[in-house]
Structures are given as structure tokens and as C-alpha cells.
C-alpha atoms as a PDB file:
ATOM      1  CA  MET A   1     -31.606 -19.704 -16.547  1.00  0.00           C
ATOM      2  CA  SER A   2     -33.911 -17.333 -18.418  1.00  0.00           C
ATOM      3  CA  ASP A   3     -34.892 -20.204 -20.760  1.00  0.00           C
ATOM      4  CA  LEU A   4     -36.198 -22.163 -17.797  1.00  0.00           C
ATOM      5  CA  PHE A   5     -39.014 -19.678 -17.247  1.00  0.00           C
ATOM      6  CA  SER A   6     -39.978 -19.054 -20.868  1.00  0.00           C
ATOM      7  CA  ASN A   7     -43.018 -20.591 -22.582  1.00  0.00           C
ATOM      8  CA  GLU A   8     -45.473 -20.156 -19.701  1.00  0.00           C
ATOM      9  CA  GLY A   9     -48.019 -22.969 -19.456  1.00  0.00           C
ATOM     10  CA  THR A  10     -45.594 -25.691 -20.531  1.00  0.00           C
ATOM     11  CA  ILE A  11     -44.589 -28.551 -18.282  1.00  0.00           C
ATOM     12  CA  LEU A  12     -41.067 -27.172 -18.109  1.00  0.00           C
ATOM     13  CA  HIS A  13     -42.291 -23.819 -16.838  1.00  0.00           C
ATOM     14  CA  CYS A  14     -44.374 -25.468 -14.147  1.00  0.00           C
ATOM     15  CA  LEU A  15     -41.486 -27.689 -13.133  1.00  0.00           C
ATOM     16  CA  SER A  16     -39.282 -24.609 -12.871  1.00  0.00           C
ATOM     17  CA  LEU A  17     -41.718 -23.075 -10.408  1.00  0.00           C
ATOM     18  CA  LEU A  18     -42.273 -26.261  -8.456  1.00  0.00           C
ATOM     19  CA  ALA A  19     -38.535 -26.827  -8.106  1.00  0.00           C
ATOM     20  CA  ARG A  20     -38.309 -23.641  -6.054  1.00  0.00           C
ATOM     21  CA  PRO A  21     -39.278 -23.331  -2.395  1.00  0.00           C
ATOM     22  CA  VAL A  22     -42.995 -22.869  -1.760  1.00  0.00           C
ATOM     23  CA  TYR A  23     -42.732 -19.167  -0.934  1.00  0.00           C
ATOM     24  CA  HIS A  24     -40.998 -18.665  -4.300  1.00  0.00           C
ATOM     25  CA  TRP A  25     -43.397 -20.415  -6.672  1.00  0.00           C
ATOM     26  CA  ARG A  26     -46.495 -19.025  -4.959  1.00  0.00           C
ATOM     27  CA  ARG A  27     -45.138 -15.533  -5.595  1.00  0.00           C
ATOM     28  CA  TRP A  28     -45.244 -16.270  -9.340  1.00  0.00           C
ATOM     29  CA  PHE A  29     -48.926 -17.202  -9.321  1.00  0.00           C
ATOM     30  CA  PRO A  30     -50.346 -13.633  -9.668  1.00  0.00           C
ATOM     31  CA  GLY A  31     -48.865 -13.406 -13.194  1.00  0.00           C
ATOM     32  CA  MET A  32     -50.374 -16.714 -14.318  1.00  0.00           C
ATOM     33  CA  SER A  33     -53.783 -17.570 -15.642  1.00  0.00           C
ATOM     34  CA  ARG A  34     -56.183 -19.782 -13.729  1.00  0.00           C
ATOM     35  CA  GLN A  35     -55.583 -22.651 -16.126  1.00  0.00           C
ATOM     36  CA  GLN A  36     -51.805 -22.372 -15.675  1.00  0.00           C
ATOM     37  CA  LYS A  37     -52.175 -22.367 -11.911  1.00  0.00           C
ATOM     38  CA  GLN A  38     -54.314 -25.511 -12.023  1.00  0.00           C
ATOM     39  CA  ARG A  39     -51.785 -27.182 -14.313  1.00  0.00           C
ATOM     40  CA  CYS A  40     -48.939 -26.453 -11.871  1.00  0.00           C
ATOM     41  CA  VAL A  41     -50.985 -27.756  -8.938  1.00  0.00           C
ATOM     42  CA  GLN A  42     -51.830 -30.957 -10.831  1.00  0.00           C
ATOM     43  CA  LEU A  43     -48.173 -31.514 -11.723  1.00  0.00           C
ATOM     44  CA  ARG A  44     -47.227 -30.928  -8.107  1.00  0.00           C
ATOM     45  CA  GLN A  45     -49.707 -33.566  -6.987  1.00  0.00           C
ATOM     46  CA  ARG A  46     -48.470 -36.010  -9.643  1.00  0.00           C
ATOM     47  CA  ILE A  47     -44.847 -35.484  -8.622  1.00  0.00           C
ATOM     48  CA  ARG A  48     -45.643 -35.936  -4.939  1.00  0.00           C
ATOM     49  CA  LYS A  49     -47.559 -39.168  -5.572  1.00  0.00           C
ATOM     50  CA  ALA A  50     -44.878 -40.476  -7.968  1.00  0.00           C
ATOM     51  CA  PHE A  51     -42.174 -39.761  -5.409  1.00  0.00           C
ATOM     52  CA  GLN A  52     -44.141 -41.622  -2.732  1.00  0.00           C
ATOM     53  CA  ASP A  53     -44.679 -44.584  -5.059  1.00  0.00           C
ATOM     54  CA  TYR A  54     -41.006 -44.540  -6.028  1.00  0.00           C
ATOM     55  CA  SER A  55     -40.033 -44.635  -2.339  1.00  0.00           C
ATOM     56  CA  ARG A  56     -42.288 -47.691  -1.840  1.00  0.00           C
ATOM     57  CA  HIS A  57     -40.982 -49.291  -5.070  1.00  0.00           C
ATOM     58  CA  VAL A  58     -44.505 -49.409  -6.548  1.00  0.00           C
ATOM     59  CA  LEU A  59     -44.097 -46.700  -9.173  1.00  0.00           C
ATOM     60  CA  THR A  60     -46.422 -47.352 -12.136  1.00  0.00           C
ATOM     61  CA  PRO A  61     -45.925 -47.495 -14.994  1.00  0.00           C
ATOM     62  CA  PRO A  62     -42.303 -48.639 -14.620  1.00  0.00           C
ATOM     63  CA  ARG A  63     -39.526 -47.351 -16.812  1.00  0.00           C
ATOM     64  CA  THR A  64     -39.858 -48.595 -20.377  1.00  0.00           C
ATOM     65  CA  GLU A  65     -37.834 -48.497 -23.577  1.00  0.00           C
ATOM     66  CA  VAL A  66     -39.631 -45.378 -24.788  1.00  0.00           C
ATOM     67  CA  CYS A  67     -38.744 -43.407 -21.643  1.00  0.00           C
ATOM     68  CA  LEU A  68     -36.440 -40.433 -22.026  1.00  0.00           C
ATOM     69  CA  ASP A  69     -32.764 -40.798 -21.222  1.00  0.00           C
ATOM     70  CA  ASP A  70     -30.810 -38.347 -19.072  1.00  0.00           C
ATOM     71  CA  TYR A  71     -29.254 -36.675 -22.122  1.00  0.00           C
ATOM     72  CA  ALA A  72     -32.648 -35.912 -23.668  1.00  0.00           C
ATOM     73  CA  ILE A  73     -34.042 -34.695 -20.348  1.00  0.00           C
ATOM     74  CA  SER A  74     -31.029 -32.412 -19.835  1.00  0.00           C
ATOM     75  CA  ASN A  75     -31.493 -30.886 -23.289  1.00  0.00           C
ATOM     76  CA  TYR A  76     -35.162 -30.360 -22.505  1.00  0.00           C
ATOM     77  CA  VAL A  77     -34.452 -28.755 -19.131  1.00  0.00           C
ATOM     78  CA  HIS A  78     -31.705 -26.478 -20.473  1.00  0.00           C
ATOM     79  CA  GLY A  79     -33.780 -25.404 -23.479  1.00  0.00           C
ATOM     80  CA  THR A  80     -31.393 -26.825 -26.087  1.00  0.00           C
ATOM     81  CA  ALA A  81     -33.756 -29.452 -27.511  1.00  0.00           C
ATOM     82  CA  GLU A  82     -35.379 -29.020 -30.913  1.00  0.00           C
ATOM     83  CA  PRO A  83     -39.005 -27.722 -30.944  1.00  0.00           C
ATOM     84  CA  GLU A  84     -40.301 -31.014 -32.398  1.00  0.00           C
ATOM     85  CA  ALA A  85     -38.461 -32.959 -29.691  1.00  0.00           C
ATOM     86  CA  VAL A  86     -39.850 -30.679 -26.977  1.00  0.00           C
ATOM     87  CA  LYS A  87     -43.394 -31.309 -28.158  1.00  0.00           C
ATOM     88  CA  SER A  88     -42.963 -35.104 -28.163  1.00  0.00           C
ATOM     89  CA  MET A  89     -41.228 -35.002 -24.770  1.00  0.00           C
ATOM     90  CA  GLU A  90     -44.097 -33.069 -23.183  1.00  0.00           C
ATOM     91  CA  GLN A  91     -46.603 -35.528 -24.638  1.00  0.00           C
ATOM     92  CA  HIS A  92     -44.600 -38.333 -23.059  1.00  0.00           C
ATOM     93  CA  LEU A  93     -44.358 -36.511 -19.717  1.00  0.00           C
ATOM     94  CA  GLU A  94     -48.159 -36.174 -19.641  1.00  0.00           C
ATOM     95  CA  THR A  95     -48.470 -39.949 -19.204  1.00  0.00           C
ATOM     96  CA  CYS A  96     -45.121 -41.166 -17.793  1.00  0.00           C
ATOM     97  CA  ASP A  97     -44.673 -40.513 -14.088  1.00  0.00           C
ATOM     98  CA  TRP A  98     -41.154 -41.984 -14.174  1.00  0.00           C
ATOM     99  CA  CYS A  99     -39.822 -39.449 -16.695  1.00  0.00           C
ATOM    100  CA  LEU A 100     -41.773 -36.655 -15.009  1.00  0.00           C
ATOM    101  CA  LEU A 101     -40.141 -37.476 -11.694  1.00  0.00           C
ATOM    102  CA  ARG A 102     -36.711 -37.651 -13.323  1.00  0.00           C
ATOM    103  CA  THR A 103     -37.242 -34.341 -15.144  1.00  0.00           C
ATOM    104  CA  TRP A 104     -38.420 -32.678 -11.945  1.00  0.00           C
ATOM    105  CA  ALA A 105     -35.331 -33.959 -10.082  1.00  0.00           C
ATOM    106  CA  ILE A 106     -32.935 -32.581 -12.709  1.00  0.00           C
ATOM    107  CA  GLN A 107     -34.788 -29.279 -12.855  1.00  0.00           C
ATOM    108  CA  LYS A 108     -34.769 -28.986  -9.075  1.00  0.00           C
ATOM    109  CA  ARG A 109     -31.031 -29.620  -8.979  1.00  0.00           C
ATOM    110  CA  ASN A 110     -30.403 -26.942 -11.626  1.00  0.00           C
ATOM    111  CA  VAL A 111     -32.587 -24.395  -9.852  1.00  0.00           C
ATOM    112  CA  ARG A 112     -30.821 -25.065  -6.558  1.00  0.00           C
ATOM    113  CA  LEU A 113     -27.434 -24.681  -8.235  1.00  0.00           C
ATOM    114  CA  TYR A 114     -28.527 -21.402  -9.822  1.00  0.00           C
ATOM    115  CA  HIS A 115     -29.847 -20.176  -6.474  1.00  0.00           C
ATOM    116  CA  GLN A 116     -26.584 -21.040  -4.705  1.00  0.00           C
ATOM    117  CA  ILE A 117     -24.434 -19.293  -7.321  1.00  0.00           C
ATOM    118  CA  THR A 118     -26.495 -16.086  -7.348  1.00  0.00           C
ATOM    119  CA  HIS A 119     -26.737 -15.824  -3.549  1.00  0.00           C
ATOM    120  CA  ALA A 120     -23.215 -16.908  -2.643  1.00  0.00           C
ATOM    121  CA  GLY A 121     -21.258 -14.584  -4.924  1.00  0.00           C
ATOM    122  CA  SER A 122     -20.248 -12.296  -2.059  1.00  0.00           C
ATOM    123  CA  ASP A 123     -18.662 -15.205  -0.183  1.00  0.00           C
ATOM    124  CA  LEU A 124     -16.443 -16.298  -3.076  1.00  0.00           C
ATOM    125  CA  GLU A 125     -12.719 -15.572  -3.058  1.00  0.00           C
ATOM    126  CA  SER A 126     -11.152 -13.301  -5.616  1.00  0.00           C
ATOM    127  CA  PRO A 127     -10.597 -15.194  -8.923  1.00  0.00           C
ATOM    128  CA  ILE A 128      -6.847 -14.711  -8.491  1.00  0.00           C
ATOM    129  CA  TRP A 129      -6.727 -16.404  -5.100  1.00  0.00           C
ATOM    130  CA  ALA A 130      -9.512 -18.914  -5.746  1.00  0.00           C
ATOM    131  CA  SER A 131      -7.239 -20.971  -8.011  1.00  0.00           C
ATOM    132  CA  GLU A 132      -4.530 -21.154  -5.376  1.00  0.00           C
ATOM    133  CA  VAL A 133      -4.207 -23.542  -2.479  1.00  0.00           C
ATOM    134  CA  PRO A 134      -6.510 -22.502   0.421  1.00  0.00           C
ATOM    135  CA  GLY A 135      -4.606 -20.159   2.693  1.00  0.00           C
ATOM    136  CA  ALA A 136      -1.893 -19.483   0.119  1.00  0.00           C
ATOM    137  CA  GLY A 137      -3.076 -15.928  -0.424  1.00  0.00           C
ATOM    138  CA  LYS A 138      -2.747 -15.032   3.252  1.00  0.00           C
ATOM    139  CA  PHE A 139       0.703 -16.656   3.395  1.00  0.00           C
ATOM    140  CA  VAL A 140       1.973 -14.709   0.367  1.00  0.00           C
ATOM    141  CA  LYS A 141       0.575 -11.456   1.749  1.00  0.00           C
ATOM    142  CA  GLY A 142       2.262 -12.124   5.091  1.00  0.00           C
ATOM    143  CA  VAL A 143       5.641 -12.804   3.464  1.00  0.00           C
ATOM    144  CA  VAL A 144       5.404  -9.664   1.330  1.00  0.00           C
ATOM    145  CA  GLY A 145       4.513  -7.573   4.371  1.00  0.00           C
ATOM    146  CA  PHE A 146       7.425  -8.988   6.373  1.00  0.00           C
ATOM    147  CA  LEU A 147       9.917  -8.313   3.570  1.00  0.00           C
ATOM    148  CA  LEU A 148       8.600  -4.771   3.238  1.00  0.00           C
ATOM    149  CA  ILE A 149       9.138  -4.119   6.958  1.00  0.00           C
ATOM    150  CA  VAL A 150      12.691  -5.513   6.782  1.00  0.00           C
ATOM    151  CA  ALA A 151      13.483  -3.329   3.754  1.00  0.00           C
ATOM    152  CA  ILE A 152      12.249  -0.198   5.558  1.00  0.00           C
ATOM    153  CA  PHE A 153      14.311  -1.090   8.641  1.00  0.00           C
ATOM    154  CA  PHE A 154      17.538  -1.480   6.639  1.00  0.00           C
ATOM    155  CA  LEU A 155      16.828   1.732   4.731  1.00  0.00           C
ATOM    156  CA  LEU A 156      16.504   3.716   7.966  1.00  0.00           C
ATOM    157  CA  PHE A 157      19.628   2.031   9.356  1.00  0.00           C
ATOM    158  CA  PHE A 158      21.796   2.995   6.366  1.00  0.00           C
ATOM    159  CA  ILE A 159      20.436   6.554   6.385  1.00  0.00           C
ATOM    160  CA  GLN A 160      21.505   6.986  10.019  1.00  0.00           C
ATOM    161  CA  LYS A 161      24.869   5.414   9.269  1.00  0.00           C
ATOM    162  CA  TYR A 162      25.408   7.769   6.325  1.00  0.00           C
ATOM    163  CA  LYS A 163      24.605  10.786   8.483  1.00  0.00           C
ATOM    164  CA  ALA A 164      27.015   9.613  11.157  1.00  0.00           C
ATOM    165  CA  GLN A 165      29.813   9.171   8.610  1.00  0.00           C
ATOM    166  CA  ARG A 166      29.211  12.651   7.219  1.00  0.00           C
ATOM    167  CA  GLY A 167      29.206  14.119  10.729  1.00  0.00           C
ATOM    168  CA  ILE A 168      25.678  15.464  10.490  1.00  0.00           C
ATOM    169  CA  THR A 169      23.063  15.486  13.238  1.00  0.00           C
ATOM    170  CA  GLU A 170      19.310  15.909  12.851  1.00  0.00           C
ATOM    171  CA  SER A 171      19.708  19.674  13.347  1.00  0.00           C
ATOM    172  CA  GLY A 172      22.351  19.857  10.620  1.00  0.00           C
ATOM    173  CA  GLN A 173      25.173  20.604  13.055  1.00  0.00           C
ATOM    174  CA  PRO A 174      28.484  18.708  12.895  1.00  0.00           C
ATOM    175  CA  ILE A 175      29.209  15.936  15.386  1.00  0.00           C
ATOM    176  CA  PHE A 176      32.248  16.307  17.648  1.00  0.00           C
ATOM    177  CA  ARG A 177      33.102  13.090  19.401  1.00  0.00           C
ATOM    178  CA  GLU A 178      36.198  14.346  21.200  1.00  0.00           C
ATOM    179  CA  GLU A 179      38.019  17.527  22.086  1.00  0.00           C
ATOM    180  CA  PRO A 180      40.696  18.764  19.670  1.00  0.00           C
ATOM    181  CA  PRO A 181      44.263  17.876  20.632  1.00  0.00           C
ATOM    182  CA  ALA A 182      45.913  20.207  23.114  1.00  0.00           C
ATOM    183  CA  SER A 183      48.744  20.795  20.646  1.00  0.00           C
ATOM    184  CA  LEU A 184      46.483  23.018  18.534  1.00  0.00           C
ATOM    185  CA  GLU A 185      47.689  26.268  20.054  1.00  0.00           C
ATOM    186  CA  ILE A 186      48.451  29.430  18.193  1.00  0.00           C
ATOM    187  CA  PRO A 187      52.146  30.325  18.491  1.00  0.00           C
ATOM    188  CA  ALA A 188      53.250  33.812  19.359  1.00  0.00           C
ATOM    189  CA  ALA A 189      51.811  36.489  17.110  1.00  0.00           C
ATOM    190  CA  VAL A 190      53.576  39.720  16.253  1.00  0.00           C
ATOM    191  CA  TRP A 191      52.746  42.975  14.588  1.00  0.00           C
ATOM    192  CA  GLU A 192      54.764  45.767  13.089  1.00  0.00           C
ATOM    193  CA  LYS A 193      54.276  49.040  11.296  1.00  0.00           C
ATOM    194  CA  ARG A 194      55.825  49.520   7.911  1.00  0.00           C
ATOM    195  CA  GLU A 195      55.177  52.717   6.049  1.00  0.00           C
ATOM    196  CA  ALA A 196      51.402  53.304   5.934  1.00  0.00           C
ATOM    197  CA  TYR A 197      50.350  49.775   6.983  1.00  0.00           C
ATOM    198  CA  LEU A 198      50.172  47.695  10.124  1.00  0.00           C
ATOM    199  CA  HIS A 199      51.272  44.114   9.498  1.00  0.00           C
ATOM    200  CA  PHE A 200      49.957  41.322  11.739  1.00  0.00           C
ATOM    201  CA  LYS A 201      51.529  37.863  11.489  1.00  0.00           C
ATOM    202  CA  TRP A 202      51.182  34.578  13.354  1.00  0.00           C
ATOM    203  CA  GLN A 203      52.379  31.054  12.865  1.00  0.00           C
ATOM    204  CA  PRO A 204      49.810  28.977  10.935  1.00  0.00           C
ATOM    205  CA  VAL A 205      47.946  26.066  12.534  1.00  0.00           C
ATOM    206  CA  PRO A 206      47.721  23.046  10.154  1.00  0.00           C
ATOM    207  CA  GLU A 207      44.305  21.920  11.426  1.00  0.00           C
ATOM    208  CA  ALA A 208      42.687  25.355  11.090  1.00  0.00           C
ATOM    209  CA  GLN A 209      40.367  26.004   8.161  1.00  0.00           C
ATOM    210  CA  PHE A 210      40.614  29.784   8.485  1.00  0.00           C
ATOM    211  CA  TYR A 211      41.569  32.507  10.938  1.00  0.00           C
ATOM    212  CA  ARG A 212      39.529  35.298  12.420  1.00  0.00           C
ATOM    213  CA  ILE A 213      41.332  38.472  13.461  1.00  0.00           C
ATOM    214  CA  THR A 214      39.619  41.218  15.416  1.00  0.00           C
ATOM    215  CA  ILE A 215      41.010  44.669  16.255  1.00  0.00           C
ATOM    216  CA  TRP A 216      39.096  47.111  18.463  1.00  0.00           C
ATOM    217  CA  ASP A 217      39.609  50.364  20.352  1.00  0.00           C
ATOM    218  CA  ALA A 218      40.614  49.647  23.949  1.00  0.00           C
ATOM    219  CA  GLU A 219      38.858  52.747  25.302  1.00  0.00           C
ATOM    220  CA  THR A 220      35.565  52.721  23.423  1.00  0.00           C
ATOM    221  CA  GLY A 221      35.347  48.995  22.574  1.00  0.00           C
ATOM    222  CA  LYS A 222      34.507  49.827  18.970  1.00  0.00           C
ATOM    223  CA  VAL A 223      35.557  47.135  16.514  1.00  0.00           C
ATOM    224  CA  ILE A 224      37.842  48.629  13.905  1.00  0.00           C
ATOM    225  CA  VAL A 225      38.790  45.570  11.880  1.00  0.00           C
ATOM    226  CA  GLU A 226      37.212  42.082  11.794  1.00  0.00           C
ATOM    227  CA  LYS A 227      38.196  39.720   9.011  1.00  0.00           C
ATOM    228  CA  GLN A 228      38.240  36.011   8.214  1.00  0.00           C
ATOM    229  CA  LEU A 229      41.087  34.793   6.048  1.00  0.00           C
ATOM    230  CA  ARG A 230      43.004  31.651   5.231  1.00  0.00           C
ATOM    231  CA  GLU A 231      46.452  33.259   5.309  1.00  0.00           C
ATOM    232  CA  SER A 232      48.342  33.735   8.553  1.00  0.00           C
ATOM    233  CA  ARG A 233      48.982  37.411   7.959  1.00  0.00           C
ATOM    234  CA  LEU A 234      47.068  40.634   7.474  1.00  0.00           C
ATOM    235  CA  ALA A 235      47.988  44.159   6.403  1.00  0.00           C
ATOM    236  CA  VAL A 236      45.761  47.032   7.528  1.00  0.00           C
ATOM    237  CA  GLN A 237      46.110  50.617   6.362  1.00  0.00           C
ATOM    238  CA  VAL A 238      46.830  52.980   9.263  1.00  0.00           C
ATOM    239  CA  THR A 239      44.800  55.874   7.917  1.00  0.00           C
ATOM    240  CA  PRO A 240      41.967  56.387   8.637  1.00  0.00           C
ATOM    241  CA  HIS A 241      41.540  53.484  11.108  1.00  0.00           C
ATOM    242  CA  PHE A 242      44.230  54.262  13.707  1.00  0.00           C
ATOM    243  CA  SER A 243      45.482  57.393  15.480  1.00  0.00           C
ATOM    244  CA  PRO A 244      49.026  57.836  16.891  1.00  0.00           C
ATOM    245  CA  ASP A 245      47.889  58.312  20.508  1.00  0.00           C
ATOM    246  CA  GLY A 246      45.205  55.616  20.487  1.00  0.00           C
ATOM    247  CA  GLN A 247      45.394  52.260  22.301  1.00  0.00           C
ATOM    248  CA  TYR A 248      44.102  49.152  20.597  1.00  0.00           C
ATOM    249  CA  VAL A 249      43.641  45.435  21.230  1.00  0.00           C
ATOM    250  CA  TRP A 250      43.873  42.576  18.733  1.00  0.00           C
ATOM    251  CA  LYS A 251      43.485  38.836  18.859  1.00  0.00           C
ATOM    252  CA  VAL A 252      43.515  35.891  16.484  1.00  0.00           C
ATOM    253  CA  GLU A 253      41.308  32.773  16.576  1.00  0.00           C
ATOM    254  CA  ALA A 254      41.896  29.545  14.662  1.00  0.00           C
ATOM    255  CA  ILE A 255      38.585  28.147  13.332  1.00  0.00           C
ATOM    256  CA  ALA A 256      37.899  24.569  12.221  1.00  0.00           C
ATOM    257  CA  TYR A 257      34.609  22.688  11.747  1.00  0.00           C
ATOM    258  CA  GLN A 258      32.532  25.727  12.756  1.00  0.00           C
ATOM    259  CA  ARG A 259      34.166  26.086  16.136  1.00  0.00           C
ATOM    260  CA  VAL A 260      37.145  27.870  17.649  1.00  0.00           C
ATOM    261  CA  LEU A 261      40.034  25.485  18.159  1.00  0.00           C
ATOM    262  CA  ARG A 262      42.150  27.825  20.240  1.00  0.00           C
ATOM    263  CA  SER A 263      42.176  31.575  20.841  1.00  0.00           C
ATOM    264  CA  TYR A 264      45.418  33.397  21.521  1.00  0.00           C
ATOM    265  CA  PRO A 265      45.176  35.871  24.422  1.00  0.00           C
ATOM    266  CA  SER A 266      44.286  39.389  23.416  1.00  0.00           C
ATOM    267  CA  MET A 267      47.237  41.759  22.927  1.00  0.00           C
ATOM    268  CA  SER A 268      47.165  45.535  23.252  1.00  0.00           C
ATOM    269  CA  PHE A 269      49.316  47.935  21.266  1.00  0.00           C
ATOM    270  CA  THR A 270      49.790  51.584  20.364  1.00  0.00           C
ATOM    271  CA  LEU A 271      51.335  53.052  17.293  1.00  0.00           C
ATOM    272  CA  GLY A 272      54.058  54.676  19.390  1.00  0.00           C
ATOM    273  CA  GLU A 273      55.413  51.271  20.456  1.00  0.00           C
ATOM    274  CA  ASN A 274      56.760  50.417  17.028  1.00  0.00           C
END
């Protein structure tokens, strides 16, 4: 469109101004000479009179064989015509109201189109979506959003299912859905002294992961021995832990899944009993 406003003083330049709204072409007048202003006003009066005559079907002179065709006028308006052709066209436009009216109409249409494109750019769709069917972009976005929500839902579902299968809660503690069977009881436990050791034995529990045995002084409550072991027996050296006249208590607990399955009642003993 820059070519439309080059060569000030030419008919094309005046037509470019006149094709705009009044408040636009008047704004251009301060940069024009007095002669150029008069030329634009004269062309405006000629165009107005020619349009009125054309509406009443009395336009003179009528279109002749030497009048410009639409192709030549378009080249002239878009600035692609040769300089010699431009000069002859402007000489013809000085006398032919028909071609002047036609040139003004084409120029006005081009200026309007340029004005619409430059002022409506913010309302245009993105080039990616503009080539699609109207509304297709919103539909695709909606489908993608729905599939994303479904994928997140299934992901959370399988995470919870995996935790449940592994027996893990949110706090990291194991899940116990039912009490252990009542058959998980520790059979009778015995102890004996052989040489310099005290031997404690009990029948193993198949479900137990390990055993915890605790021995403490019955009078003071001081813990003497506390061990966790997988075997169902333990040997403790008498010296220096035990004295011949002391009284002690011991018990065994079967542990599984971080909890006590069953605890055998505490048993007291003295070294003089064995």
C-alpha cells in the first residue's frame, strides 16, 4: 500500500486520499501544497458529479474504445504499470469521467480492504486454527482435555491399588485387615543351666518373622538381656549377668509384620531351681 501514496500531486495520490473517510484525507492536507489541495478538491467534485450522472444514466462522455480496461486500471492503482503507461493513463483520466469513476471505485475498494486487514488483525484466529472448520479447534481442545482427565484418574486409581496390594498406607504403616489366627500361640518354653550358660528354648512359630526375648531382674526391674533373633533358642553366659541368689523373669514374643502375634506369659526363675 505504500505505492498508493507515492508521487504526491498525481491523480493516483489524490484518489488514494479521496478513497479514505473524510476525517482521514483532511488530516493529510497539512503536508500538501496549495496546488495539490486544489487538485484533490477538483477531483473530488468531478467524481461526485460523475457518480451522480452515472446514477441518472446521463454520464458524458460515455465509455469509448479508448477507455481503460479493468486490467490496466488495476496495474495503475497497484503501481505495477510502466512509467510511460502511467503518464498516458493520467492524461486520459484528465478528460474521461468514466475511467476516473472506475479508477476511483477500484482504489476505494483497495483502501477499504487494506483498512479492514490492518484494523482487524486482533480478531483473526490463529493461522493453525483458521484453516480448520469453524469450531473444530474448540472441539479438539475439549477432547484432549477430557482424555487428560481420564488418564489422571486411572493413574491415581492404579497407584492406590498398588499401595493396597503392597499393604502400605499413606503413613507407611502396614495394613492389617484381620486378626491373626488364634492358633498362633507360643508353646511351652523351657530353660536350663549347662555349665556356664543358661539355655532358653521354645517351640518355633511358623508365621513369626523373629522372636524377642527379654530377661530382667524381678526385684529391681532392670533389663539384663533383650535380644531379637530368628532362632527359637538363646544361650546367655551366667557370669557376670546372673547371681546364684537372684530372682529373674523372662518372656518370649513372636513378632510378624511389625506387631506381636502372641506373647507367652512371663516366667520367673532362679539359678538354684536348676
